[in-house]
Amino acid sequence: MTETWQTIAHLADRLEAHSTLPREQRILLQLLKIQEEAGEVAEAVIGAMGQNPRKGHSHTWEDVEAEVCDVIVTGMVALRRMNPEAASVFARHMEGVVARGLDKAEKAEDAAGR
């Protein structure tokens, strides 16, 4: 298990240890947390672009990057809370993403007369 997934497992285990809710509710709330974090990305983008009349330029693009990282971590924690084999699940998913991406790129190159 990579260091990143070890950290994710620690975070997920800590959250599990502090909740008294049934498992299904814990997972649902964790999934909702992804949306909450995505909303913070939107708020940061609006702030970085100065599009909130009350706040002006309230965020930087570095703030946006940090919020995107929070979305990723929250998603990884959600996956780990759903399945203790999250690292393997994610690795298999990424293999499919890579295969689809390479297939499309190869087909586009073939269509271009390569």
PDB file of N, CA and C in Angstrom:
ATOM      1  N   MET A   1       0.855  -1.176   0.000  1.00  0.00           N
ATOM      2  CA  MET A   1       0.000   0.000   0.000  1.00  0.00           C
ATOM      3  C   MET A   1       0.900   1.238   0.000  1.00  0.00           C
ATOM      4  N   THR A   2       0.611   2.197  -0.842  1.00  0.00           N
ATOM      5  CA  THR A   2       1.434   3.391  -0.919  1.00  0.00           C
ATOM      6  C   THR A   2       1.223   4.266   0.308  1.00  0.00           C
ATOM      7  N   GLU A   3       2.144   5.201   0.486  1.00  0.00           N
ATOM      8  CA  GLU A   3       2.038   6.133   1.612  1.00  0.00           C
ATOM      9  C   GLU A   3       0.723   6.919   1.550  1.00  0.00           C
ATOM     10  N   THR A   4       0.344   7.324   0.357  1.00  0.00           N
ATOM     11  CA  THR A   4      -0.921   8.072   0.215  1.00  0.00           C
ATOM     12  C   THR A   4      -2.093   7.232   0.691  1.00  0.00           C
ATOM     13  N   TRP A   5      -2.164   5.980   0.241  1.00  0.00           N
ATOM     14  CA  TRP A   5      -3.281   5.131   0.641  1.00  0.00           C
ATOM     15  C   TRP A   5      -3.210   4.787   2.127  1.00  0.00           C
ATOM     16  N   GLN A   6      -2.010   4.748   2.702  1.00  0.00           N
ATOM     17  CA  GLN A   6      -1.884   4.532   4.148  1.00  0.00           C
ATOM     18  C   GLN A   6      -2.484   5.716   4.907  1.00  0.00           C
ATOM     19  N   THR A   7      -2.212   6.913   4.416  1.00  0.00           N
ATOM     20  CA  THR A   7      -2.791   8.113   5.032  1.00  0.00           C
ATOM     21  C   THR A   7      -4.301   8.111   4.898  1.00  0.00           C
ATOM     22  N   ILE A   8      -4.792   7.748   3.715  1.00  0.00           N
ATOM     23  CA  ILE A   8      -6.245   7.685   3.489  1.00  0.00           C
ATOM     24  C   ILE A   8      -6.876   6.661   4.427  1.00  0.00           C
ATOM     25  N   ALA A   9      -6.238   5.510   4.570  1.00  0.00           N
ATOM     26  CA  ALA A   9      -6.760   4.482   5.479  1.00  0.00           C
ATOM     27  C   ALA A   9      -6.809   5.005   6.906  1.00  0.00           C
ATOM     28  N   HIS A  10      -5.782   5.720   7.317  1.00  0.00           N
ATOM     29  CA  HIS A  10      -5.760   6.291   8.674  1.00  0.00           C
ATOM     30  C   HIS A  10      -6.909   7.279   8.853  1.00  0.00           C
ATOM     31  N   LEU A  11      -7.119   8.160   7.875  1.00  0.00           N
ATOM     32  CA  LEU A  11      -8.214   9.129   7.958  1.00  0.00           C
ATOM     33  C   LEU A  11      -9.570   8.424   8.012  1.00  0.00           C
ATOM     34  N   ALA A  12      -9.756   7.441   7.140  1.00  0.00           N
ATOM     35  CA  ALA A  12     -11.027   6.714   7.102  1.00  0.00           C
ATOM     36  C   ALA A  12     -11.265   5.967   8.406  1.00  0.00           C
ATOM     37  N   ASP A  13     -10.229   5.324   8.917  1.00  0.00           N
ATOM     38  CA  ASP A  13     -10.370   4.585  10.173  1.00  0.00           C
ATOM     39  C   ASP A  13     -10.700   5.517  11.329  1.00  0.00           C
ATOM     40  N   ARG A  14     -10.083   6.684  11.336  1.00  0.00           N
ATOM     41  CA  ARG A  14     -10.364   7.662  12.395  1.00  0.00           C
ATOM     42  C   ARG A  14     -11.816   8.133  12.327  1.00  0.00           C
ATOM     43  N   LEU A  15     -12.299   8.392  11.122  1.00  0.00           N
ATOM     44  CA  LEU A  15     -13.702   8.803  10.973  1.00  0.00           C
ATOM     45  C   LEU A  15     -14.647   7.684  11.414  1.00  0.00           C
ATOM     46  N   GLU A  16     -14.318   6.460  11.022  1.00  0.00           N
ATOM     47  CA  GLU A  16     -15.146   5.318  11.415  1.00  0.00           C
ATOM     48  C   GLU A  16     -15.197   5.182  12.934  1.00  0.00           C
ATOM     49  N   ALA A  17     -14.076   5.387  13.584  1.00  0.00           N
ATOM     50  CA  ALA A  17     -14.001   5.222  15.039  1.00  0.00           C
ATOM     51  C   ALA A  17     -14.798   6.287  15.789  1.00  0.00           C
ATOM     52  N   HIS A  18     -15.012   7.421  15.158  1.00  0.00           N
ATOM     53  CA  HIS A  18     -15.695   8.526  15.844  1.00  0.00           C
ATOM     54  C   HIS A  18     -17.177   8.633  15.520  1.00  0.00           C
ATOM     55  N   SER A  19     -17.702   7.713  14.738  1.00  0.00           N
ATOM     56  CA  SER A  19     -19.116   7.781  14.371  1.00  0.00           C
ATOM     57  C   SER A  19     -19.892   6.641  15.016  1.00  0.00           C
ATOM     58  N   THR A  20     -21.072   6.979  15.480  1.00  0.00           N
ATOM     59  CA  THR A  20     -21.958   5.962  16.060  1.00  0.00           C
ATOM     60  C   THR A  20     -23.114   5.627  15.114  1.00  0.00           C
ATOM     61  N   LEU A  21     -23.108   6.240  13.937  1.00  0.00           N
ATOM     62  CA  LEU A  21     -24.185   5.995  12.975  1.00  0.00           C
ATOM     63  C   LEU A  21     -24.026   4.619  12.334  1.00  0.00           C
ATOM     64  N   PRO A  22     -25.112   4.071  11.826  1.00  0.00           N
ATOM     65  CA  PRO A  22     -25.012   2.817  11.072  1.00  0.00           C
ATOM     66  C   PRO A  22     -24.119   3.012   9.840  1.00  0.00           C
ATOM     67  N   ARG A  23     -23.486   1.933   9.395  1.00  0.00           N
ATOM     68  CA  ARG A  23     -22.530   1.983   8.282  1.00  0.00           C
ATOM     69  C   ARG A  23     -23.107   2.676   7.048  1.00  0.00           C
ATOM     70  N   GLU A  24     -24.313   2.323   6.662  1.00  0.00           N
ATOM     71  CA  GLU A  24     -24.920   2.916   5.472  1.00  0.00           C
ATOM     72  C   GLU A  24     -25.005   4.434   5.591  1.00  0.00           C
ATOM     73  N   GLN A  25     -25.389   4.933   6.736  1.00  0.00           N
ATOM     74  CA  GLN A  25     -25.474   6.380   6.932  1.00  0.00           C
ATOM     75  C   GLN A  25     -24.085   7.024   6.921  1.00  0.00           C
ATOM     76  N   ARG A  26     -23.098   6.357   7.497  1.00  0.00           N
ATOM     77  CA  ARG A  26     -21.729   6.894   7.488  1.00  0.00           C
ATOM     78  C   ARG A  26     -21.238   7.055   6.057  1.00  0.00           C
ATOM     79  N   ILE A  27     -21.506   6.057   5.237  1.00  0.00           N
ATOM     80  CA  ILE A  27     -21.067   6.122   3.840  1.00  0.00           C
ATOM     81  C   ILE A  27     -21.819   7.215   3.092  1.00  0.00           C
ATOM     82  N   LEU A  28     -23.118   7.282   3.275  1.00  0.00           N
ATOM     83  CA  LEU A  28     -23.898   8.322   2.596  1.00  0.00           C
ATOM     84  C   LEU A  28     -23.414   9.718   2.965  1.00  0.00           C
ATOM     85  N   LEU A  29     -23.148   9.935   4.236  1.00  0.00           N
ATOM     86  CA  LEU A  29     -22.663  11.247   4.669  1.00  0.00           C
ATOM     87  C   LEU A  29     -21.285  11.542   4.096  1.00  0.00           C
ATOM     88  N   GLN A  30     -20.436  10.527   4.003  1.00  0.00           N
ATOM     89  CA  GLN A  30     -19.113  10.732   3.409  1.00  0.00           C
ATOM     90  C   GLN A  30     -19.247  11.092   1.934  1.00  0.00           C
ATOM     91  N   LEU A  31     -20.174  10.441   1.237  1.00  0.00           N
ATOM     92  CA  LEU A  31     -20.396  10.767  -0.168  1.00  0.00           C
ATOM     93  C   LEU A  31     -20.914  12.197  -0.324  1.00  0.00           C
ATOM     94  N   LEU A  32     -21.778  12.629   0.568  1.00  0.00           N
ATOM     95  CA  LEU A  32     -22.259  14.018   0.540  1.00  0.00           C
ATOM     96  C   LEU A  32     -21.121  14.999   0.804  1.00  0.00           C
ATOM     97  N   LYS A  33     -20.151  14.579   1.594  1.00  0.00           N
ATOM     98  CA  LYS A  33     -18.995  15.421   1.895  1.00  0.00           C
ATOM     99  C   LYS A  33     -18.230  15.764   0.619  1.00  0.00           C
ATOM    100  N   ILE A  34     -18.222  14.870  -0.354  1.00  0.00           N
ATOM    101  CA  ILE A  34     -17.569  15.168  -1.633  1.00  0.00           C
ATOM    102  C   ILE A  34     -18.224  16.391  -2.271  1.00  0.00           C
ATOM    103  N   GLN A  35     -19.546  16.430  -2.263  1.00  0.00           N
ATOM    104  CA  GLN A  35     -20.271  17.562  -2.847  1.00  0.00           C
ATOM    105  C   GLN A  35     -19.992  18.846  -2.079  1.00  0.00           C
ATOM    106  N   GLU A  36     -19.925  18.744  -0.767  1.00  0.00           N
ATOM    107  CA  GLU A  36     -19.601  19.921   0.041  1.00  0.00           C
ATOM    108  C   GLU A  36     -18.237  20.486  -0.351  1.00  0.00           C
ATOM    109  N   GLU A  37     -17.260  19.604  -0.490  1.00  0.00           N
ATOM    110  CA  GLU A  37     -15.913  20.037  -0.870  1.00  0.00           C
ATOM    111  C   GLU A  37     -15.909  20.615  -2.285  1.00  0.00           C
ATOM    112  N   ALA A  38     -16.685  20.034  -3.196  1.00  0.00           N
ATOM    113  CA  ALA A  38     -16.773  20.569  -4.558  1.00  0.00           C
ATOM    114  C   ALA A  38     -17.363  21.980  -4.547  1.00  0.00           C
ATOM    115  N   GLY A  39     -18.296  22.227  -3.648  1.00  0.00           N
ATOM    116  CA  GLY A  39     -18.843  23.573  -3.496  1.00  0.00           C
ATOM    117  C   GLY A  39     -17.775  24.566  -3.056  1.00  0.00           C
ATOM    118  N   GLU A  40     -16.846  24.104  -2.241  1.00  0.00           N
ATOM    119  CA  GLU A  40     -15.743  24.974  -1.817  1.00  0.00           C
ATOM    120  C   GLU A  40     -14.806  25.276  -2.976  1.00  0.00           C
ATOM    121  N   VAL A  41     -14.678  24.336  -3.927  1.00  0.00           N
ATOM    122  CA  VAL A  41     -13.912  24.624  -5.143  1.00  0.00           C
ATOM    123  C   VAL A  41     -14.595  25.753  -5.903  1.00  0.00           C
ATOM    124  N   ALA A  42     -15.908  25.641  -6.067  1.00  0.00           N
ATOM    125  CA  ALA A  42     -16.655  26.671  -6.794  1.00  0.00           C
ATOM    126  C   ALA A  42     -16.507  28.031  -6.114  1.00  0.00           C
ATOM    127  N   GLU A  43     -16.617  28.055  -4.795  1.00  0.00           N
ATOM    128  CA  GLU A  43     -16.467  29.311  -4.060  1.00  0.00           C
ATOM    129  C   GLU A  43     -15.075  29.903  -4.280  1.00  0.00           C
ATOM    130  N   ALA A  44     -14.053  29.058  -4.259  1.00  0.00           N
ATOM    131  CA  ALA A  44     -12.688  29.534  -4.452  1.00  0.00           C
ATOM    132  C   ALA A  44     -12.477  30.067  -5.873  1.00  0.00           C
ATOM    133  N   VAL A  45     -13.047  29.399  -6.882  1.00  0.00           N
ATOM    134  CA  VAL A  45     -12.926  29.877  -8.259  1.00  0.00           C
ATOM    135  C   VAL A  45     -13.596  31.242  -8.401  1.00  0.00           C
ATOM    136  N   ILE A  46     -14.793  31.363  -7.854  1.00  0.00           N
ATOM    137  CA  ILE A  46     -15.503  32.647  -7.907  1.00  0.00           C
ATOM    138  C   ILE A  46     -14.671  33.727  -7.223  1.00  0.00           C
ATOM    139  N   GLY A  47     -14.092  33.378  -6.080  1.00  0.00           N
ATOM    140  CA  GLY A  47     -13.253  34.334  -5.367  1.00  0.00           C
ATOM    141  C   GLY A  47     -11.973  34.664  -6.104  1.00  0.00           C
ATOM    142  N   ALA A  48     -11.366  33.687  -6.738  1.00  0.00           N
ATOM    143  CA  ALA A  48     -10.133  33.921  -7.494  1.00  0.00           C
ATOM    144  C   ALA A  48     -10.389  34.810  -8.711  1.00  0.00           C
ATOM    145  N   MET A  49     -11.602  34.724  -9.244  1.00  0.00           N
ATOM    146  CA  MET A  49     -11.954  35.548 -10.396  1.00  0.00           C
ATOM    147  C   MET A  49     -12.577  36.875  -9.991  1.00  0.00           C
ATOM    148  N   GLY A  50     -12.747  37.090  -8.681  1.00  0.00           N
ATOM    149  CA  GLY A  50     -13.301  38.352  -8.186  1.00  0.00           C
ATOM    150  C   GLY A  50     -14.758  38.562  -8.559  1.00  0.00           C
ATOM    151  N   GLN A  51     -15.517  37.483  -8.653  1.00  0.00           N
ATOM    152  CA  GLN A  51     -16.892  37.580  -9.130  1.00  0.00           C
ATOM    153  C   GLN A  51     -17.945  37.601  -8.025  1.00  0.00           C
ATOM    154  N   ASN A  52     -17.524  37.709  -6.771  1.00  0.00           N
ATOM    155  CA  ASN A  52     -18.478  37.894  -5.680  1.00  0.00           C
ATOM    156  C   ASN A  52     -18.435  39.380  -5.314  1.00  0.00           C
ATOM    157  N   PRO A  53     -19.529  40.112  -5.618  1.00  0.00           N
ATOM    158  CA  PRO A  53     -19.510  41.560  -5.388  1.00  0.00           C
ATOM    159  C   PRO A  53     -19.222  41.959  -3.932  1.00  0.00           C
ATOM    160  N   ARG A  54     -19.603  41.131  -2.989  1.00  0.00           N
ATOM    161  CA  ARG A  54     -19.362  41.455  -1.581  1.00  0.00           C
ATOM    162  C   ARG A  54     -17.916  41.209  -1.161  1.00  0.00           C
ATOM    163  N   LYS A  55     -17.258  40.225  -1.793  1.00  0.00           N
ATOM    164  CA  LYS A  55     -15.938  39.813  -1.329  1.00  0.00           C
ATOM    165  C   LYS A  55     -14.799  40.187  -2.271  1.00  0.00           C
ATOM    166  N   GLY A  56     -15.102  40.468  -3.521  1.00  0.00           N
ATOM    167  CA  GLY A  56     -14.038  40.763  -4.475  1.00  0.00           C
ATOM    168  C   GLY A  56     -13.132  39.570  -4.694  1.00  0.00           C
ATOM    169  N   HIS A  57     -11.837  39.839  -4.790  1.00  0.00           N
ATOM    170  CA  HIS A  57     -10.842  38.773  -4.986  1.00  0.00           C
ATOM    171  C   HIS A  57     -10.512  38.171  -3.617  1.00  0.00           C
ATOM    172  N   SER A  58     -11.322  37.224  -3.202  1.00  0.00           N
ATOM    173  CA  SER A  58     -11.204  36.645  -1.860  1.00  0.00           C
ATOM    174  C   SER A  58     -10.342  35.386  -1.822  1.00  0.00           C
ATOM    175  N   HIS A  59      -9.993  34.832  -2.981  1.00  0.00           N
ATOM    176  CA  HIS A  59      -9.214  33.603  -3.055  1.00  0.00           C
ATOM    177  C   HIS A  59      -8.134  33.741  -4.121  1.00  0.00           C
ATOM    178  N   THR A  60      -7.158  32.851  -4.043  1.00  0.00           N
ATOM    179  CA  THR A  60      -6.118  32.771  -5.068  1.00  0.00           C
ATOM    180  C   THR A  60      -6.287  31.463  -5.824  1.00  0.00           C
ATOM    181  N   TRP A  61      -5.542  31.317  -6.924  1.00  0.00           N
ATOM    182  CA  TRP A  61      -5.588  30.051  -7.653  1.00  0.00           C
ATOM    183  C   TRP A  61      -4.937  28.945  -6.831  1.00  0.00           C
ATOM    184  N   GLU A  62      -4.044  29.302  -5.938  1.00  0.00           N
ATOM    185  CA  GLU A  62      -3.484  28.306  -5.015  1.00  0.00           C
ATOM    186  C   GLU A  62      -4.572  27.796  -4.068  1.00  0.00           C
ATOM    187  N   ASP A  63      -5.489  28.692  -3.665  1.00  0.00           N
ATOM    188  CA  ASP A  63      -6.632  28.255  -2.849  1.00  0.00           C
ATOM    189  C   ASP A  63      -7.492  27.264  -3.626  1.00  0.00           C
ATOM    190  N   VAL A  64      -7.686  27.532  -4.909  1.00  0.00           N
ATOM    191  CA  VAL A  64      -8.470  26.624  -5.756  1.00  0.00           C
ATOM    192  C   VAL A  64      -7.783  25.253  -5.808  1.00  0.00           C
ATOM    193  N   GLU A  65      -6.472  25.255  -6.007  1.00  0.00           N
ATOM    194  CA  GLU A  65      -5.737  23.987  -6.036  1.00  0.00           C
ATOM    195  C   GLU A  65      -5.910  23.219  -4.734  1.00  0.00           C
ATOM    196  N   ALA A  66      -5.832  23.921  -3.611  1.00  0.00           N
ATOM    197  CA  ALA A  66      -5.994  23.262  -2.306  1.00  0.00           C
ATOM    198  C   ALA A  66      -7.387  22.667  -2.166  1.00  0.00           C
ATOM    199  N   GLU A  67      -8.386  23.384  -2.639  1.00  0.00           N
ATOM    200  CA  GLU A  67      -9.759  22.879  -2.552  1.00  0.00           C
ATOM    201  C   GLU A  67      -9.950  21.656  -3.452  1.00  0.00           C
ATOM    202  N   VAL A  68      -9.333  21.665  -4.635  1.00  0.00           N
ATOM    203  CA  VAL A  68      -9.405  20.490  -5.514  1.00  0.00           C
ATOM    204  C   VAL A  68      -8.746  19.297  -4.819  1.00  0.00           C
ATOM    205  N   CYS A  69      -7.622  19.541  -4.158  1.00  0.00           N
ATOM    206  CA  CYS A  69      -6.968  18.458  -3.407  1.00  0.00           C
ATOM    207  C   CYS A  69      -7.901  17.920  -2.324  1.00  0.00           C
ATOM    208  N   ASP A  70      -8.640  18.809  -1.651  1.00  0.00           N
ATOM    209  CA  ASP A  70      -9.586  18.357  -0.633  1.00  0.00           C
ATOM    210  C   ASP A  70     -10.669  17.466  -1.232  1.00  0.00           C
ATOM    211  N   VAL A  71     -11.125  17.801  -2.446  1.00  0.00           N
ATOM    212  CA  VAL A  71     -12.121  16.959  -3.117  1.00  0.00           C
ATOM    213  C   VAL A  71     -11.541  15.571  -3.382  1.00  0.00           C
ATOM    214  N   ILE A  72     -10.309  15.534  -3.863  1.00  0.00           N
ATOM    215  CA  ILE A  72      -9.670  14.253  -4.173  1.00  0.00           C
ATOM    216  C   ILE A  72      -9.514  13.413  -2.913  1.00  0.00           C
ATOM    217  N   VAL A  73      -8.997  14.028  -1.846  1.00  0.00           N
ATOM    218  CA  VAL A  73      -8.808  13.295  -0.588  1.00  0.00           C
ATOM    219  C   VAL A  73     -10.145  12.795  -0.065  1.00  0.00           C
ATOM    220  N   THR A  74     -11.159  13.641  -0.115  1.00  0.00           N
ATOM    221  CA  THR A  74     -12.478  13.253   0.377  1.00  0.00           C
ATOM    222  C   THR A  74     -13.036  12.087  -0.429  1.00  0.00           C
ATOM    223  N   GLY A  75     -12.833  12.103  -1.731  1.00  0.00           N
ATOM    224  CA  GLY A  75     -13.270  10.988  -2.569  1.00  0.00           C
ATOM    225  C   GLY A  75     -12.517   9.708  -2.249  1.00  0.00           C
ATOM    226  N   MET A  76     -11.224   9.826  -2.014  1.00  0.00           N
ATOM    227  CA  MET A  76     -10.435   8.647  -1.665  1.00  0.00           C
ATOM    228  C   MET A  76     -10.869   8.079  -0.319  1.00  0.00           C
ATOM    229  N   VAL A  77     -11.143   8.963   0.640  1.00  0.00           N
ATOM    230  CA  VAL A  77     -11.625   8.507   1.950  1.00  0.00           C
ATOM    231  C   VAL A  77     -12.982   7.817   1.787  1.00  0.00           C
ATOM    232  N   ALA A  78     -13.845   8.387   0.960  1.00  0.00           N
ATOM    233  CA  ALA A  78     -15.151   7.768   0.724  1.00  0.00           C
ATOM    234  C   ALA A  78     -14.991   6.363   0.155  1.00  0.00           C
ATOM    235  N   LEU A  79     -14.116   6.226  -0.833  1.00  0.00           N
ATOM    236  CA  LEU A  79     -13.891   4.911  -1.430  1.00  0.00           C
ATOM    237  C   LEU A  79     -13.364   3.935  -0.389  1.00  0.00           C
ATOM    238  N   ARG A  80     -12.450   4.380   0.447  1.00  0.00           N
ATOM    239  CA  ARG A  80     -11.865   3.512   1.490  1.00  0.00           C
ATOM    240  C   ARG A  80     -12.914   3.121   2.527  1.00  0.00           C
ATOM    241  N   ARG A  81     -13.812   4.060   2.861  1.00  0.00           N
ATOM    242  CA  ARG A  81     -14.860   3.735   3.832  1.00  0.00           C
ATOM    243  C   ARG A  81     -15.863   2.752   3.232  1.00  0.00           C
ATOM    244  N   MET A  82     -16.013   2.780   1.917  1.00  0.00           N
ATOM    245  CA  MET A  82     -16.911   1.848   1.248  1.00  0.00           C
ATOM    246  C   MET A  82     -16.273   0.473   1.095  1.00  0.00           C
ATOM    247  N   ASN A  83     -14.944   0.467   0.851  1.00  0.00           N
ATOM    248  CA  ASN A  83     -14.271  -0.795   0.532  1.00  0.00           C
ATOM    249  C   ASN A  83     -12.843  -0.748   1.071  1.00  0.00           C
ATOM    250  N   PRO A  84     -12.496  -1.630   1.995  1.00  0.00           N
ATOM    251  CA  PRO A  84     -11.143  -1.621   2.543  1.00  0.00           C
ATOM    252  C   PRO A  84     -10.059  -1.890   1.495  1.00  0.00           C
ATOM    253  N   GLU A  85     -10.447  -2.408   0.340  1.00  0.00           N
ATOM    254  CA  GLU A  85      -9.504  -2.648  -0.758  1.00  0.00           C
ATOM    255  C   GLU A  85      -9.522  -1.494  -1.753  1.00  0.00           C
ATOM    256  N   ALA A  86      -9.737  -0.283  -1.242  1.00  0.00           N
ATOM    257  CA  ALA A  86      -9.889   0.896  -2.097  1.00  0.00           C
ATOM    258  C   ALA A  86      -8.708   1.106  -3.034  1.00  0.00           C
ATOM    259  N   ALA A  87      -7.500   0.882  -2.553  1.00  0.00           N
ATOM    260  CA  ALA A  87      -6.314   1.091  -3.403  1.00  0.00           C
ATOM    261  C   ALA A  87      -6.373   0.187  -4.632  1.00  0.00           C
ATOM    262  N   SER A  88      -6.767  -1.058  -4.446  1.00  0.00           N
ATOM    263  CA  SER A  88      -6.877  -1.988  -5.572  1.00  0.00           C
ATOM    264  C   SER A  88      -8.025  -1.607  -6.493  1.00  0.00           C
ATOM    265  N   VAL A  89      -9.138  -1.204  -5.917  1.00  0.00           N
ATOM    266  CA  VAL A  89     -10.296  -0.770  -6.704  1.00  0.00           C
ATOM    267  C   VAL A  89      -9.902   0.413  -7.582  1.00  0.00           C
ATOM    268  N   PHE A  90      -9.205   1.368  -6.984  1.00  0.00           N
ATOM    269  CA  PHE A  90      -8.803   2.561  -7.720  1.00  0.00           C
ATOM    270  C   PHE A  90      -7.781   2.217  -8.807  1.00  0.00           C
ATOM    271  N   ALA A  91      -6.832   1.350  -8.487  1.00  0.00           N
ATOM    272  CA  ALA A  91      -5.825   0.945  -9.473  1.00  0.00           C
ATOM    273  C   ALA A  91      -6.484   0.281 -10.684  1.00  0.00           C
ATOM    274  N   ARG A  92      -7.450  -0.594 -10.435  1.00  0.00           N
ATOM    275  CA  ARG A  92      -8.163  -1.245 -11.549  1.00  0.00           C
ATOM    276  C   ARG A  92      -8.926  -0.209 -12.371  1.00  0.00           C
ATOM    277  N   HIS A  93      -9.547   0.729 -11.684  1.00  0.00           N
ATOM    278  CA  HIS A  93     -10.296   1.770 -12.392  1.00  0.00           C
ATOM    279  C   HIS A  93      -9.347   2.588 -13.280  1.00  0.00           C
ATOM    280  N   MET A  94      -8.183   2.941 -12.747  1.00  0.00           N
ATOM    281  CA  MET A  94      -7.219   3.727 -13.512  1.00  0.00           C
ATOM    282  C   MET A  94      -6.705   2.955 -14.724  1.00  0.00           C
ATOM    283  N   GLU A  95      -6.561   1.648 -14.593  1.00  0.00           N
ATOM    284  CA  GLU A  95      -6.164   0.829 -15.742  1.00  0.00           C
ATOM    285  C   GLU A  95      -7.184   0.968 -16.863  1.00  0.00           C
ATOM    286  N   GLY A  96      -8.463   0.977 -16.487  1.00  0.00           N
ATOM    287  CA  GLY A  96      -9.519   1.160 -17.475  1.00  0.00           C
ATOM    288  C   GLY A  96      -9.496   2.550 -18.089  1.00  0.00           C
ATOM    289  N   VAL A  97      -9.232   3.548 -17.273  1.00  0.00           N
ATOM    290  CA  VAL A  97      -9.137   4.925 -17.776  1.00  0.00           C
ATOM    291  C   VAL A  97      -7.998   5.037 -18.786  1.00  0.00           C
ATOM    292  N   VAL A  98      -6.858   4.474 -18.433  1.00  0.00           N
ATOM    293  CA  VAL A  98      -5.698   4.513 -19.330  1.00  0.00           C
ATOM    294  C   VAL A  98      -6.014   3.773 -20.626  1.00  0.00           C
ATOM    295  N   ALA A  99      -6.609   2.604 -20.520  1.00  0.00           N
ATOM    296  CA  ALA A  99      -6.930   1.823 -21.715  1.00  0.00           C
ATOM    297  C   ALA A  99      -7.899   2.575 -22.626  1.00  0.00           C
ATOM    298  N   ARG A 100      -8.910   3.172 -22.046  1.00  0.00           N
ATOM    299  CA  ARG A 100      -9.868   3.943 -22.861  1.00  0.00           C
ATOM    300  C   ARG A 100      -9.180   5.128 -23.514  1.00  0.00           C
ATOM    301  N   GLY A 101      -8.345   5.809 -22.766  1.00  0.00           N
ATOM    302  CA  GLY A 101      -7.652   6.978 -23.307  1.00  0.00           C
ATOM    303  C   GLY A 101      -6.696   6.614 -24.415  1.00  0.00           C
ATOM    304  N   LEU A 102      -5.953   5.510 -24.247  1.00  0.00           N
ATOM    305  CA  LEU A 102      -5.022   5.074 -25.281  1.00  0.00           C
ATOM    306  C   LEU A 102      -5.762   4.589 -26.513  1.00  0.00           C
ATOM    307  N   ASP A 103      -6.871   3.875 -26.294  1.00  0.00           N
ATOM    308  CA  ASP A 103      -7.663   3.402 -27.431  1.00  0.00           C
ATOM    309  C   ASP A 103      -8.147   4.580 -28.266  1.00  0.00           C
ATOM    310  N   LYS A 104      -8.645   5.618 -27.619  1.00  0.00           N
ATOM    311  CA  LYS A 104      -9.148   6.788 -28.341  1.00  0.00           C
ATOM    312  C   LYS A 104      -8.011   7.480 -29.085  1.00  0.00           C
ATOM    313  N   ALA A 105      -6.859   7.624 -28.417  1.00  0.00           N
ATOM    314  CA  ALA A 105      -5.736   8.301 -29.052  1.00  0.00           C
ATOM    315  C   ALA A 105      -5.258   7.502 -30.270  1.00  0.00           C
ATOM    316  N   GLU A 106      -5.170   6.186 -30.136  1.00  0.00           N
ATOM    317  CA  GLU A 106      -4.729   5.352 -31.251  1.00  0.00           C
ATOM    318  C   GLU A 106      -5.725   5.409 -32.412  1.00  0.00           C
ATOM    319  N   LYS A 107      -7.012   5.393 -32.107  1.00  0.00           N
ATOM    320  CA  LYS A 107      -8.024   5.475 -33.166  1.00  0.00           C
ATOM    321  C   LYS A 107      -7.954   6.813 -33.864  1.00  0.00           C
ATOM    322  N   ALA A 108      -7.717   7.879 -33.113  1.00  0.00           N
ATOM    323  CA  ALA A 108      -7.601   9.199 -33.727  1.00  0.00           C
ATOM    324  C   ALA A 108      -6.380   9.287 -34.623  1.00  0.00           C
ATOM    325  N   GLU A 109      -5.272   8.691 -34.185  1.00  0.00           N
ATOM    326  CA  GLU A 109      -4.050   8.679 -35.005  1.00  0.00           C
ATOM    327  C   GLU A 109      -4.278   7.854 -36.266  1.00  0.00           C
ATOM    328  N   ASP A 110      -4.967   6.725 -36.141  1.00  0.00           N
ATOM    329  CA  ASP A 110      -5.253   5.883 -37.308  1.00  0.00           C
ATOM    330  C   ASP A 110      -6.144   6.626 -38.286  1.00  0.00           C
ATOM    331  N   ALA A 111      -7.124   7.350 -37.766  1.00  0.00           N
ATOM    332  CA  ALA A 111      -8.038   8.093 -38.616  1.00  0.00           C
ATOM    333  C   ALA A 111      -7.316   9.229 -39.337  1.00  0.00           C
ATOM    334  N   ALA A 112      -6.245   9.733 -38.721  1.00  0.00           N
ATOM    335  CA  ALA A 112      -5.490  10.823 -39.331  1.00  0.00           C
ATOM    336  C   ALA A 112      -4.514  10.305 -40.380  1.00  0.00           C
ATOM    337  N   GLY A 113      -4.497   8.982 -40.599  1.00  0.00           N
ATOM    338  CA  GLY A 113      -3.668   8.412 -41.638  1.00  0.00           C
ATOM    339  C   GLY A 113      -2.275   8.036 -41.191  1.00  0.00           C
ATOM    340  N   ARG A 114      -2.156   7.744 -39.960  1.00  0.00           N
ATOM    341  CA  ARG A 114      -0.856   7.326 -39.414  1.00  0.00           C
ATOM    342  C   ARG A 114      -0.392   6.033 -39.887  1.00  0.00           C
TER     343      ARG A 114
END
